[in-house]
Structure formats: structure tokens, C-alpha cells
Amino acid sequence: MPKGLLFIQFSISMRLEGSGTETPSSDTKTALRYTADASNSHLEGTSKSYPTTEEQVGGKIGMDEPIHEQGVSQHKKAAKIHDFCLGIPFGGLVLSGGIVGFLFSRNPTTLSTGILFGGALLALSTFSLKIWRQGKSSLPFILGQAALSVALLGKHFRSYSMTKKLFPTGFYAVISAAMLCFYSYVVIAGGNPPPKKLKSATSASS
């Protein structure tokens, strides 16, 4: 074989080997670039998906403030039962007891006591009911009923100490003491609970 043909064949084979070696390197560079771009996009998506500390704190404060304000607005002390729920029956009992006692004993003192204390208790309880429906405080009427209960307790206790009769003096003394405890509870608890209409309106506005 001539030397010229050998030289041409050798140069062609070297070029083919060189092009074969360069192709993987270009593929490797392309693969590395793609991997780097994918990792950068993944890192950017991860950083965007997690909020910063300021956003977490701001969102948490923004959510907690209305809840705290609503809890404060709804939190108000009040008794579980209204004063007039027991005050009206108590006044009616005292009034009817005075009338019935007068019919049996013909004692004007019994009649006057029943009408005076029973009528006053009924009046105060009724006014307390009307004021409560208007959404106002009925504390003065509760205190008035408590004062009448104290007066009735002292009167009937003195009568029971002298006569030792369980009925009617002992009975009225026990009832008066129980009502005095009830009025004291209503005052200490914070007064009557608000009407349902006002309570629902307050909760809706808050």
C-alpha cells in the first residue's frame, strides 16, 4: 500500500476518534446545565412555598386579635336566674298569706303586714322585670327586695321566738332567709343576665 494512502487513513481515523471523544463531553456539559437549572428551580419553589417568620407572626397576630376581642366582649358576669323569677312568687305568697291570715285570725296587723310587704315585693319585682326588658340595670330594685326580705326575716323571727309556732311565723322566717340569700347571690354574681335579643345583637356586632 502506498505511503500516501496510509497517511490519509491515519488522519481520518484520528479525526473520527477525536469527534467521538468530544461528543460525550458536550453531552455531559448539557446534562450538567440541565441538572443545575432543575435544582435552582426546585430551590426557588421551596423557598416560595414556606412563608417567612414575619409573615407567620403577622398572620398569627391578625387572626388572634379578633378572637381575643370577641372573647372579651362576650365575657360578662351575670346570675343564672333573674331576681323577678322568684321575687314575684315571693311577693304573691306574702300578700296572699297576709289576706288568708287576716280571714282566720281577724288580726289587722297580719293584713297590714301582708299587704304592705307583699305589695312592695310585687311592685319591685314587676319594675325590675320592665327595666330588665329595656336592657337597663335593675340593681336598685334587687336591693329593695333584699331589704324587704331582711325586714320580714326580723319580724317573723321575733314572732317565732315569742310564740314558737312553726306556721306561719317559722315558715315565713325560713322563706325570708332563703330569699335574702337568693338576692345576695344575684347581686354578687353581677345582676340579671341580659335579654336574649340584646345578647344576640351584641354577639353579632362583635
N, C-alpha and C. Protein backbone atom coordinates (compact mmCIF):
# COMPACT_ATOMS: atom_id res chain seq x y z
N MET A 1 0.88 -1.19 0.00
CA MET A 1 0.00 0.00 0.00
C MET A 1 0.90 1.23 0.00
N PRO A 2 0.55 2.24 -0.77
CA PRO A 2 1.38 3.44 -0.83
C PRO A 2 1.33 4.22 0.47
N LYS A 3 2.40 4.96 0.74
CA LYS A 3 2.52 5.74 1.97
C LYS A 3 1.47 6.84 2.03
N GLY A 4 1.09 7.41 0.92
CA GLY A 4 0.09 8.49 0.91
C GLY A 4 -1.27 8.01 1.39
N LEU A 5 -1.66 6.78 0.97
CA LEU A 5 -2.95 6.25 1.41
C LEU A 5 -2.93 5.94 2.90
N LEU A 6 -1.78 5.47 3.39
CA LEU A 6 -1.69 5.18 4.83
C LEU A 6 -1.82 6.47 5.65
N PHE A 7 -1.22 7.52 5.19
CA PHE A 7 -1.29 8.79 5.93
C PHE A 7 -2.72 9.34 5.94
N ILE A 8 -3.44 9.24 4.83
CA ILE A 8 -4.82 9.71 4.76
C ILE A 8 -5.73 8.89 5.67
N GLN A 9 -5.50 7.57 5.65
CA GLN A 9 -6.32 6.70 6.53
C GLN A 9 -6.06 7.00 7.99
N PHE A 10 -4.81 7.24 8.36
CA PHE A 10 -4.47 7.54 9.74
C PHE A 10 -5.09 8.85 10.20
N SER A 11 -5.07 9.84 9.36
CA SER A 11 -5.64 11.15 9.74
C SER A 11 -7.15 11.07 9.87
N ILE A 12 -7.79 10.29 8.98
CA ILE A 12 -9.26 10.13 9.08
C ILE A 12 -9.64 9.43 10.37
N SER A 13 -8.87 8.38 10.71
CA SER A 13 -9.17 7.66 11.97
C SER A 13 -8.96 8.55 13.18
N MET A 14 -7.97 9.42 13.18
CA MET A 14 -7.73 10.33 14.31
C MET A 14 -8.86 11.33 14.45
N ARG A 15 -9.35 11.81 13.31
CA ARG A 15 -10.46 12.77 13.37
C ARG A 15 -11.73 12.11 13.92
N LEU A 16 -11.96 10.87 13.45
CA LEU A 16 -13.15 10.15 13.96
C LEU A 16 -13.05 9.91 15.46
N GLU A 17 -11.87 9.53 15.94
CA GLU A 17 -11.69 9.31 17.37
C GLU A 17 -11.85 10.60 18.16
N GLY A 18 -11.33 11.69 17.60
CA GLY A 18 -11.47 12.99 18.28
C GLY A 18 -12.90 13.43 18.38
N SER A 19 -13.65 13.26 17.27
CA SER A 19 -15.07 13.64 17.32
C SER A 19 -15.84 12.74 18.26
N GLY A 20 -15.43 11.47 18.36
CA GLY A 20 -16.11 10.56 19.31
C GLY A 20 -15.84 10.91 20.73
N THR A 21 -14.66 11.40 21.02
CA THR A 21 -14.35 11.78 22.40
C THR A 21 -14.97 13.09 22.76
N GLU A 22 -15.20 14.03 21.82
CA GLU A 22 -15.78 15.33 22.13
C GLU A 22 -17.28 15.25 22.35
N THR A 23 -17.95 14.31 21.74
CA THR A 23 -19.41 14.21 21.86
C THR A 23 -19.87 13.91 23.28
N PRO A 24 -19.25 12.96 23.98
CA PRO A 24 -19.68 12.76 25.38
C PRO A 24 -19.44 13.97 26.24
N SER A 25 -18.34 14.71 25.97
CA SER A 25 -18.10 15.89 26.80
C SER A 25 -19.17 16.93 26.61
N SER A 26 -19.63 17.14 25.37
CA SER A 26 -20.71 18.11 25.15
C SER A 26 -22.01 17.64 25.76
N ASP A 27 -22.27 16.33 25.68
CA ASP A 27 -23.47 15.79 26.33
C ASP A 27 -23.40 15.95 27.84
N THR A 28 -22.20 15.73 28.37
CA THR A 28 -22.03 15.88 29.82
C THR A 28 -22.28 17.31 30.25
N LYS A 29 -21.76 18.28 29.46
CA LYS A 29 -22.00 19.68 29.79
C LYS A 29 -23.48 20.02 29.75
N THR A 30 -24.16 19.50 28.72
CA THR A 30 -25.60 19.77 28.60
C THR A 30 -26.37 19.17 29.78
N ALA A 31 -25.99 17.95 30.18
CA ALA A 31 -26.65 17.30 31.33
C ALA A 31 -26.39 18.06 32.61
N LEU A 32 -25.15 18.56 32.79
CA LEU A 32 -24.84 19.32 34.00
C LEU A 32 -25.63 20.61 34.05
N ARG A 33 -25.74 21.28 32.91
CA ARG A 33 -26.53 22.52 32.87
C ARG A 33 -27.99 22.26 33.20
N TYR A 34 -28.56 21.22 32.66
CA TYR A 34 -29.97 20.88 32.94
C TYR A 34 -30.20 20.56 34.41
N THR A 35 -29.23 19.79 34.98
CA THR A 35 -29.34 19.44 36.40
C THR A 35 -29.26 20.68 37.27
N ALA A 36 -28.33 21.60 36.94
CA ALA A 36 -28.18 22.83 37.73
C ALA A 36 -29.43 23.68 37.65
N ASP A 37 -30.01 23.80 36.43
CA ASP A 37 -31.23 24.60 36.29
C ASP A 37 -32.39 24.00 37.05
N ALA A 38 -32.50 22.66 37.01
CA ALA A 38 -33.59 22.00 37.74
C ALA A 38 -33.45 22.17 39.23
N SER A 39 -32.20 22.08 39.74
CA SER A 39 -32.01 22.25 41.19
C SER A 39 -32.31 23.68 41.62
N ASN A 40 -31.91 24.67 40.78
CA ASN A 40 -32.20 26.06 41.12
C ASN A 40 -33.70 26.33 41.15
N SER A 41 -34.42 25.79 40.16
CA SER A 41 -35.88 25.99 40.14
C SER A 41 -36.54 25.29 41.32
N HIS A 42 -36.02 24.13 41.71
CA HIS A 42 -36.58 23.43 42.87
C HIS A 42 -36.35 24.21 44.15
N LEU A 43 -35.14 24.78 44.29
CA LEU A 43 -34.85 25.57 45.48
C LEU A 43 -35.72 26.82 45.53
N GLU A 44 -35.93 27.48 44.40
CA GLU A 44 -36.77 28.68 44.38
C GLU A 44 -38.21 28.34 44.74
N GLY A 45 -38.74 27.21 44.23
CA GLY A 45 -40.10 26.81 44.57
C GLY A 45 -40.24 26.48 46.04
N THR A 46 -39.21 25.85 46.62
CA THR A 46 -39.24 25.51 48.04
C THR A 46 -39.22 26.76 48.89
N SER A 47 -38.39 27.73 48.53
CA SER A 47 -38.32 28.97 49.32
C SER A 47 -39.60 29.76 49.23
N LYS A 48 -40.31 29.68 48.09
CA LYS A 48 -41.56 30.42 47.96
C LYS A 48 -42.70 29.75 48.70
N SER A 49 -42.64 28.40 48.80
CA SER A 49 -43.74 27.69 49.44
C SER A 49 -43.78 27.89 50.93
N TYR A 50 -42.65 28.15 51.57
CA TYR A 50 -42.60 28.35 53.01
C TYR A 50 -42.60 29.84 53.31
N PRO A 51 -43.56 30.35 54.11
CA PRO A 51 -43.59 31.78 54.44
C PRO A 51 -42.47 32.13 55.40
N THR A 52 -42.13 33.39 55.41
CA THR A 52 -41.09 33.87 56.30
C THR A 52 -41.63 33.99 57.72
N THR A 53 -40.71 34.24 58.65
CA THR A 53 -41.10 34.36 60.06
C THR A 53 -42.01 35.56 60.28
N GLU A 54 -41.73 36.67 59.56
CA GLU A 54 -42.57 37.86 59.71
C GLU A 54 -43.99 37.61 59.23
N GLU A 55 -44.12 36.84 58.11
CA GLU A 55 -45.45 36.54 57.62
C GLU A 55 -46.22 35.67 58.59
N GLN A 56 -45.50 34.67 59.18
CA GLN A 56 -46.16 33.81 60.15
C GLN A 56 -46.61 34.59 61.37
N VAL A 57 -45.72 35.45 61.87
CA VAL A 57 -46.07 36.24 63.05
C VAL A 57 -47.19 37.20 62.75
N GLY A 58 -47.12 37.88 61.59
CA GLY A 58 -48.17 38.82 61.22
C GLY A 58 -49.51 38.14 61.03
N GLY A 59 -49.51 36.96 60.35
CA GLY A 59 -50.76 36.25 60.17
C GLY A 59 -51.33 35.76 61.47
N LYS A 60 -50.45 35.29 62.36
CA LYS A 60 -50.94 34.78 63.64
C LYS A 60 -51.51 35.90 64.49
N ILE A 61 -50.86 37.07 64.47
CA ILE A 61 -51.39 38.20 65.24
C ILE A 61 -52.71 38.67 64.66
N GLY A 62 -52.80 38.73 63.34
CA GLY A 62 -54.03 39.18 62.72
C GLY A 62 -55.20 38.26 62.99
N MET A 63 -54.94 36.96 63.15
CA MET A 63 -56.02 36.03 63.44
C MET A 63 -56.38 36.02 64.91
N ASP A 64 -55.41 36.28 65.78
CA ASP A 64 -55.67 36.19 67.22
C ASP A 64 -56.39 37.41 67.75
N GLU A 65 -56.16 38.58 67.15
CA GLU A 65 -56.74 39.80 67.70
C GLU A 65 -58.26 39.80 67.71
N PRO A 66 -58.97 39.47 66.60
CA PRO A 66 -60.44 39.47 66.67
C PRO A 66 -60.98 38.41 67.59
N ILE A 67 -60.28 37.25 67.68
CA ILE A 67 -60.75 36.22 68.60
C ILE A 67 -60.66 36.70 70.03
N HIS A 68 -59.54 37.38 70.37
CA HIS A 68 -59.37 37.88 71.72
C HIS A 68 -60.40 38.96 72.03
N GLU A 69 -60.64 39.86 71.07
CA GLU A 69 -61.62 40.92 71.30
C GLU A 69 -63.02 40.34 71.45
N GLN A 70 -63.35 39.30 70.67
CA GLN A 70 -64.67 38.71 70.77
C GLN A 70 -64.86 38.03 72.11
N GLY A 71 -63.77 37.35 72.61
CA GLY A 71 -63.86 36.71 73.91
C GLY A 71 -64.06 37.72 75.02
N VAL A 72 -63.38 38.89 74.91
CA VAL A 72 -63.53 39.91 75.94
C VAL A 72 -64.92 40.51 75.91
N SER A 73 -65.46 40.75 74.69
CA SER A 73 -66.78 41.36 74.59
C SER A 73 -67.88 40.44 75.09
N GLN A 74 -67.72 39.12 74.88
CA GLN A 74 -68.75 38.20 75.31
C GLN A 74 -68.63 37.83 76.77
N HIS A 75 -67.47 38.04 77.36
CA HIS A 75 -67.25 37.65 78.74
C HIS A 75 -67.84 38.72 79.67
N LYS A 76 -68.96 38.41 80.30
CA LYS A 76 -69.61 39.32 81.23
C LYS A 76 -70.29 38.51 82.32
N LYS A 77 -70.02 38.88 83.58
CA LYS A 77 -70.59 38.14 84.70
C LYS A 77 -72.06 38.46 84.86
N ALA A 78 -72.83 37.45 85.19
CA ALA A 78 -74.26 37.62 85.44
C ALA A 78 -74.77 36.40 86.17
N ALA A 79 -75.90 36.57 86.85
CA ALA A 79 -76.51 35.46 87.58
C ALA A 79 -77.17 34.49 86.60
N LYS A 80 -77.41 33.28 87.05
CA LYS A 80 -78.04 32.27 86.21
C LYS A 80 -79.55 32.42 86.16
N ILE A 81 -80.12 33.13 87.11
CA ILE A 81 -81.57 33.30 87.17
C ILE A 81 -81.88 34.74 87.54
N HIS A 82 -82.99 35.27 87.04
CA HIS A 82 -83.37 36.65 87.30
C HIS A 82 -84.01 36.79 88.68
N ASP A 83 -83.91 38.00 89.22
CA ASP A 83 -84.47 38.22 90.57
C ASP A 83 -85.99 38.13 90.56
N PHE A 84 -86.63 38.59 89.49
CA PHE A 84 -88.09 38.60 89.46
C PHE A 84 -88.68 37.21 89.24
N CYS A 85 -87.85 36.25 88.81
CA CYS A 85 -88.36 34.88 88.64
C CYS A 85 -88.80 34.29 89.97
N LEU A 86 -88.14 34.66 91.05
CA LEU A 86 -88.54 34.23 92.39
C LEU A 86 -89.14 35.37 93.19
N GLY A 87 -88.84 36.61 92.81
CA GLY A 87 -89.36 37.75 93.57
C GLY A 87 -90.87 37.91 93.43
N ILE A 88 -91.38 37.71 92.21
CA ILE A 88 -92.83 37.83 92.02
C ILE A 88 -93.60 36.75 92.78
N PRO A 89 -93.21 35.47 92.71
CA PRO A 89 -93.91 34.47 93.54
C PRO A 89 -93.77 34.74 95.04
N PHE A 90 -92.60 35.24 95.46
CA PHE A 90 -92.42 35.53 96.88
C PHE A 90 -93.35 36.66 97.34
N GLY A 91 -93.45 37.72 96.54
CA GLY A 91 -94.36 38.81 96.87
C GLY A 91 -95.81 38.36 96.89
N GLY A 92 -96.18 37.51 95.92
CA GLY A 92 -97.54 36.98 95.91
C GLY A 92 -97.83 36.10 97.11
N LEU A 93 -96.83 35.34 97.55
CA LEU A 93 -97.02 34.48 98.73
C LEU A 93 -97.21 35.31 99.99
N VAL A 94 -96.42 36.35 100.15
CA VAL A 94 -96.55 37.21 101.33
C VAL A 94 -97.90 37.92 101.32
N LEU A 95 -98.31 38.43 100.17
CA LEU A 95 -99.59 39.14 100.08
C LEU A 95 -100.77 38.21 100.36
N SER A 96 -100.77 37.07 99.71
CA SER A 96 -101.87 36.12 99.94
C SER A 96 -101.85 35.57 101.36
N GLY A 97 -100.65 35.39 101.93
CA GLY A 97 -100.57 34.92 103.32
C GLY A 97 -101.14 35.92 104.30
N GLY A 98 -100.91 37.21 104.05
CA GLY A 98 -101.50 38.23 104.93
C GLY A 98 -103.01 38.26 104.85
N ILE A 99 -103.56 38.11 103.64
CA ILE A 99 -105.02 38.12 103.48
C ILE A 99 -105.65 36.89 104.11
N VAL A 100 -105.06 35.72 103.87
CA VAL A 100 -105.60 34.48 104.45
C VAL A 100 -105.46 34.49 105.97
N GLY A 101 -104.34 35.01 106.46
CA GLY A 101 -104.17 35.09 107.92
C GLY A 101 -105.16 36.02 108.57
N PHE A 102 -105.49 37.11 107.90
CA PHE A 102 -106.49 38.02 108.44
C PHE A 102 -107.88 37.37 108.47
N LEU A 103 -108.20 36.57 107.46
CA LEU A 103 -109.50 35.90 107.43
C LEU A 103 -109.65 34.89 108.57
N PHE A 104 -108.60 34.27 108.98
CA PHE A 104 -108.68 33.27 110.05
C PHE A 104 -108.49 33.89 111.43
N SER A 105 -107.63 34.86 111.56
CA SER A 105 -107.34 35.41 112.88
C SER A 105 -108.04 36.73 113.16
N ARG A 106 -108.51 37.39 112.13
CA ARG A 106 -109.13 38.71 112.26
C ARG A 106 -108.19 39.71 112.91
N ASN A 107 -106.93 39.53 112.64
CA ASN A 107 -105.90 40.42 113.18
C ASN A 107 -105.50 41.43 112.11
N PRO A 108 -105.76 42.72 112.32
CA PRO A 108 -105.42 43.72 111.29
C PRO A 108 -103.92 43.84 111.05
N THR A 109 -103.13 43.49 112.04
CA THR A 109 -101.67 43.55 111.86
C THR A 109 -101.21 42.56 110.79
N THR A 110 -101.79 41.39 110.80
CA THR A 110 -101.44 40.39 109.78
C THR A 110 -101.81 40.88 108.38
N LEU A 111 -102.99 41.50 108.27
CA LEU A 111 -103.41 42.02 106.97
C LEU A 111 -102.51 43.15 106.50
N SER A 112 -102.21 44.07 107.40
CA SER A 112 -101.36 45.20 107.01
C SER A 112 -99.95 44.75 106.64
N THR A 113 -99.43 43.77 107.40
CA THR A 113 -98.10 43.25 107.07
C THR A 113 -98.08 42.58 105.71
N GLY A 114 -99.12 41.78 105.44
CA GLY A 114 -99.17 41.09 104.15
C GLY A 114 -99.32 42.05 102.99
N ILE A 115 -100.21 43.03 103.14
CA ILE A 115 -100.42 43.98 102.05
C ILE A 115 -99.20 44.87 101.85
N LEU A 116 -98.64 45.33 102.97
CA LEU A 116 -97.50 46.25 102.86
C LEU A 116 -96.29 45.58 102.24
N PHE A 117 -95.84 44.48 102.84
CA PHE A 117 -94.62 43.81 102.36
C PHE A 117 -94.87 43.07 101.04
N GLY A 118 -96.00 42.37 100.97
CA GLY A 118 -96.28 41.63 99.73
C GLY A 118 -96.48 42.54 98.54
N GLY A 119 -97.22 43.64 98.74
CA GLY A 119 -97.41 44.59 97.64
C GLY A 119 -96.12 45.25 97.22
N ALA A 120 -95.27 45.59 98.19
CA ALA A 120 -93.99 46.21 97.86
C ALA A 120 -93.08 45.25 97.10
N LEU A 121 -93.06 43.99 97.53
CA LEU A 121 -92.25 43.00 96.81
C LEU A 121 -92.75 42.78 95.39
N LEU A 122 -94.05 42.72 95.22
CA LEU A 122 -94.60 42.57 93.87
C LEU A 122 -94.28 43.77 92.98
N ALA A 123 -94.39 44.97 93.56
CA ALA A 123 -94.11 46.17 92.78
C ALA A 123 -92.64 46.23 92.36
N LEU A 124 -91.74 45.95 93.29
CA LEU A 124 -90.32 46.00 92.96
C LEU A 124 -89.94 44.92 91.93
N SER A 125 -90.52 43.75 92.06
CA SER A 125 -90.22 42.67 91.10
C SER A 125 -90.74 43.01 89.71
N THR A 126 -91.94 43.60 89.67
CA THR A 126 -92.50 43.97 88.37
C THR A 126 -91.70 45.07 87.70
N PHE A 127 -91.29 46.08 88.47
CA PHE A 127 -90.46 47.14 87.91
C PHE A 127 -89.10 46.60 87.45
N SER A 128 -88.57 45.65 88.21
CA SER A 128 -87.30 45.03 87.81
C SER A 128 -87.45 44.30 86.48
N LEU A 129 -88.58 43.64 86.28
CA LEU A 129 -88.83 42.96 85.01
C LEU A 129 -88.91 43.95 83.85
N LYS A 130 -89.61 45.07 84.06
CA LYS A 130 -89.76 46.07 82.99
C LYS A 130 -88.41 46.71 82.65
N ILE A 131 -87.63 47.04 83.67
CA ILE A 131 -86.32 47.64 83.43
C ILE A 131 -85.39 46.64 82.74
N TRP A 132 -85.47 45.40 83.12
CA TRP A 132 -84.63 44.38 82.51
C TRP A 132 -84.96 44.21 81.02
N ARG A 133 -86.23 44.28 80.67
CA ARG A 133 -86.62 44.16 79.27
C ARG A 133 -86.08 45.31 78.42
N GLN A 134 -85.88 46.47 79.04
CA GLN A 134 -85.31 47.62 78.34
C GLN A 134 -83.79 47.55 78.22
N GLY A 135 -83.19 46.54 78.81
CA GLY A 135 -81.74 46.40 78.75
C GLY A 135 -80.98 47.21 79.77
N LYS A 136 -81.67 47.73 80.78
CA LYS A 136 -81.03 48.55 81.81
C LYS A 136 -80.79 47.72 83.07
N SER A 137 -80.01 48.29 83.97
CA SER A 137 -79.69 47.60 85.22
C SER A 137 -80.84 47.73 86.22
N SER A 138 -81.23 46.62 86.80
CA SER A 138 -82.30 46.61 87.80
C SER A 138 -81.75 46.40 89.20
N LEU A 139 -80.51 46.82 89.43
CA LEU A 139 -79.87 46.63 90.73
C LEU A 139 -80.61 47.33 91.87
N PRO A 140 -81.10 48.57 91.71
CA PRO A 140 -81.82 49.18 92.84
C PRO A 140 -83.06 48.39 93.26
N PHE A 141 -83.77 47.81 92.33
CA PHE A 141 -84.96 47.03 92.68
C PHE A 141 -84.58 45.71 93.36
N ILE A 142 -83.45 45.15 92.97
CA ILE A 142 -82.98 43.93 93.65
C ILE A 142 -82.59 44.24 95.09
N LEU A 143 -81.92 45.36 95.29
CA LEU A 143 -81.54 45.75 96.65
C LEU A 143 -82.76 46.07 97.50
N GLY A 144 -83.79 46.67 96.88
CA GLY A 144 -85.02 46.94 97.62
C GLY A 144 -85.71 45.66 98.07
N GLN A 145 -85.76 44.67 97.21
CA GLN A 145 -86.35 43.38 97.59
C GLN A 145 -85.53 42.70 98.69
N ALA A 146 -84.21 42.84 98.61
CA ALA A 146 -83.37 42.25 99.66
C ALA A 146 -83.62 42.93 101.00
N ALA A 147 -83.82 44.27 100.99
CA ALA A 147 -84.10 44.99 102.24
C ALA A 147 -85.44 44.56 102.83
N LEU A 148 -86.45 44.36 102.00
CA LEU A 148 -87.73 43.88 102.49
C LEU A 148 -87.63 42.46 103.05
N SER A 149 -86.78 41.65 102.43
CA SER A 149 -86.58 40.29 102.96
C SER A 149 -85.93 40.33 104.34
N VAL A 150 -85.01 41.26 104.54
CA VAL A 150 -84.38 41.41 105.86
C VAL A 150 -85.43 41.83 106.90
N ALA A 151 -86.30 42.78 106.53
CA ALA A 151 -87.34 43.24 107.45
C ALA A 151 -88.32 42.11 107.79
N LEU A 152 -88.71 41.34 106.78
CA LEU A 152 -89.61 40.22 107.03
C LEU A 152 -88.95 39.15 107.90
N LEU A 153 -87.68 38.90 107.64
CA LEU A 153 -86.95 37.90 108.44
C LEU A 153 -86.89 38.31 109.90
N GLY A 154 -86.58 39.60 110.16
CA GLY A 154 -86.52 40.05 111.55
C GLY A 154 -87.88 40.00 112.23
N LYS A 155 -88.94 40.38 111.52
CA LYS A 155 -90.28 40.40 112.11
C LYS A 155 -90.76 38.99 112.45
N HIS A 156 -90.64 38.08 111.49
CA HIS A 156 -91.13 36.72 111.72
C HIS A 156 -90.23 35.94 112.69
N PHE A 157 -88.96 36.26 112.72
CA PHE A 157 -88.08 35.58 113.68
C PHE A 157 -88.42 35.99 115.11
N ARG A 158 -88.74 37.27 115.33
CA ARG A 158 -89.15 37.72 116.66
C ARG A 158 -90.49 37.07 117.06
N SER A 159 -91.41 36.97 116.09
CA SER A 159 -92.70 36.33 116.39
C SER A 159 -92.51 34.86 116.71
N TYR A 160 -91.62 34.19 115.98
CA TYR A 160 -91.38 32.77 116.26
C TYR A 160 -90.70 32.58 117.60
N SER A 161 -89.82 33.50 117.97
CA SER A 161 -89.16 33.39 119.28
C SER A 161 -90.16 33.54 120.42
N MET A 162 -91.22 34.31 120.21
CA MET A 162 -92.22 34.52 121.26
C MET A 162 -93.28 33.41 121.28
N THR A 163 -93.73 32.98 120.12
CA THR A 163 -94.85 32.02 120.07
C THR A 163 -94.38 30.58 119.85
N LYS A 164 -93.21 30.37 119.29
CA LYS A 164 -92.68 29.04 118.97
C LYS A 164 -93.59 28.28 118.00
N LYS A 165 -94.25 29.00 117.13
CA LYS A 165 -95.13 28.38 116.14
C LYS A 165 -94.37 28.24 114.82
N LEU A 166 -94.38 27.00 114.31
CA LEU A 166 -93.71 26.77 113.04
C LEU A 166 -94.48 27.38 111.87
N PHE A 167 -95.79 27.45 112.00
CA PHE A 167 -96.60 28.03 110.92
C PHE A 167 -97.56 29.04 111.54
N PRO A 168 -97.63 30.25 111.04
CA PRO A 168 -96.94 30.71 109.82
C PRO A 168 -95.62 31.42 110.08
N THR A 169 -95.31 31.75 111.35
CA THR A 169 -94.14 32.61 111.60
C THR A 169 -92.83 31.92 111.25
N GLY A 170 -92.68 30.66 111.67
CA GLY A 170 -91.44 29.93 111.35
C GLY A 170 -91.27 29.72 109.85
N PHE A 171 -92.37 29.42 109.19
CA PHE A 171 -92.32 29.21 107.74
C PHE A 171 -91.89 30.49 107.02
N TYR A 172 -92.49 31.60 107.37
CA TYR A 172 -92.14 32.87 106.71
C TYR A 172 -90.72 33.31 107.05
N ALA A 173 -90.24 32.97 108.24
CA ALA A 173 -88.86 33.31 108.59
C ALA A 173 -87.87 32.54 107.72
N VAL A 174 -88.16 31.25 107.48
CA VAL A 174 -87.27 30.44 106.64
C VAL A 174 -87.31 30.93 105.19
N ILE A 175 -88.52 31.22 104.68
CA ILE A 175 -88.65 31.70 103.31
C ILE A 175 -87.94 33.04 103.12
N SER A 176 -88.08 33.92 104.11
CA SER A 176 -87.43 35.23 104.01
C SER A 176 -85.90 35.09 104.01
N ALA A 177 -85.38 34.17 104.85
CA ALA A 177 -83.93 33.95 104.87
C ALA A 177 -83.43 33.38 103.54
N ALA A 178 -84.22 32.46 102.97
CA ALA A 178 -83.83 31.88 101.68
C ALA A 178 -83.83 32.94 100.57
N MET A 179 -84.84 33.82 100.56
CA MET A 179 -84.90 34.85 99.55
C MET A 179 -83.78 35.88 99.73
N LEU A 180 -83.40 36.15 100.98
CA LEU A 180 -82.29 37.06 101.21
C LEU A 180 -81.00 36.49 100.63
N CYS A 181 -80.78 35.20 100.81
CA CYS A 181 -79.61 34.55 100.21
C CYS A 181 -79.66 34.60 98.68
N PHE A 182 -80.87 34.44 98.13
CA PHE A 182 -81.01 34.48 96.67
C PHE A 182 -80.70 35.88 96.13
N TYR A 183 -81.23 36.92 96.75
CA TYR A 183 -80.95 38.28 96.28
C TYR A 183 -79.47 38.62 96.44
N SER A 184 -78.86 38.13 97.49
CA SER A 184 -77.42 38.36 97.67
C SER A 184 -76.62 37.69 96.56
N TYR A 185 -77.04 36.49 96.18
CA TYR A 185 -76.36 35.80 95.08
C TYR A 185 -76.48 36.57 93.77
N VAL A 186 -77.67 37.09 93.48
CA VAL A 186 -77.88 37.82 92.22
C VAL A 186 -76.99 39.07 92.18
N VAL A 187 -76.90 39.77 93.30
CA VAL A 187 -76.07 40.99 93.34
C VAL A 187 -74.59 40.64 93.20
N ILE A 188 -74.13 39.62 93.92
CA ILE A 188 -72.71 39.25 93.87
C ILE A 188 -72.33 38.71 92.50
N ALA A 189 -73.25 37.98 91.86
CA ALA A 189 -72.96 37.39 90.54
C ALA A 189 -72.89 38.42 89.44
N GLY A 190 -73.37 39.64 89.67
CA GLY A 190 -73.31 40.67 88.65
C GLY A 190 -74.64 41.14 88.12
N GLY A 191 -75.74 40.77 88.78
CA GLY A 191 -77.06 41.21 88.33
C GLY A 191 -77.71 40.21 87.39
N ASN A 192 -78.84 40.62 86.85
CA ASN A 192 -79.59 39.76 85.95
C ASN A 192 -78.84 39.57 84.63
N PRO A 193 -78.95 38.40 84.01
CA PRO A 193 -78.38 38.24 82.67
C PRO A 193 -79.11 39.09 81.66
N PRO A 194 -78.43 39.56 80.60
CA PRO A 194 -79.09 40.43 79.62
C PRO A 194 -80.16 39.68 78.84
N PRO A 195 -81.13 40.39 78.27
CA PRO A 195 -82.14 39.73 77.44
C PRO A 195 -81.51 39.04 76.23
N LYS A 196 -82.21 38.06 75.68
CA LYS A 196 -81.67 37.29 74.56
C LYS A 196 -81.50 38.16 73.32
N LYS A 197 -82.40 39.12 73.12
CA LYS A 197 -82.30 39.99 71.94
C LYS A 197 -81.03 40.83 72.00
N LEU A 198 -80.77 41.44 73.17
CA LEU A 198 -79.58 42.26 73.32
C LEU A 198 -78.33 41.42 73.28
N LYS A 199 -78.40 40.22 73.81
CA LYS A 199 -77.23 39.33 73.83
C LYS A 199 -76.87 38.90 72.41
N SER A 200 -77.89 38.54 71.61
CA SER A 200 -77.64 38.15 70.23
C SER A 200 -77.15 39.31 69.40
N ALA A 201 -77.67 40.52 69.65
CA ALA A 201 -77.21 41.70 68.92
C ALA A 201 -75.77 42.03 69.25
N THR A 202 -75.37 41.88 70.52
CA THR A 202 -74.00 42.14 70.92
C THR A 202 -73.04 41.15 70.29
N SER A 203 -73.41 39.86 70.29
CA SER A 203 -72.57 38.85 69.68
C SER A 203 -72.45 39.04 68.18
N ALA A 204 -73.54 39.49 67.52
CA ALA A 204 -73.49 39.71 66.07
C ALA A 204 -72.61 40.90 65.72
N SER A 205 -72.69 41.97 66.52
CA SER A 205 -71.86 43.15 66.26
C SER A 205 -70.39 42.89 66.51
N SER A 206 -70.08 42.02 67.52
CA SER A 206 -68.69 41.71 67.80
C SER A 206 -68.11 40.77 66.76
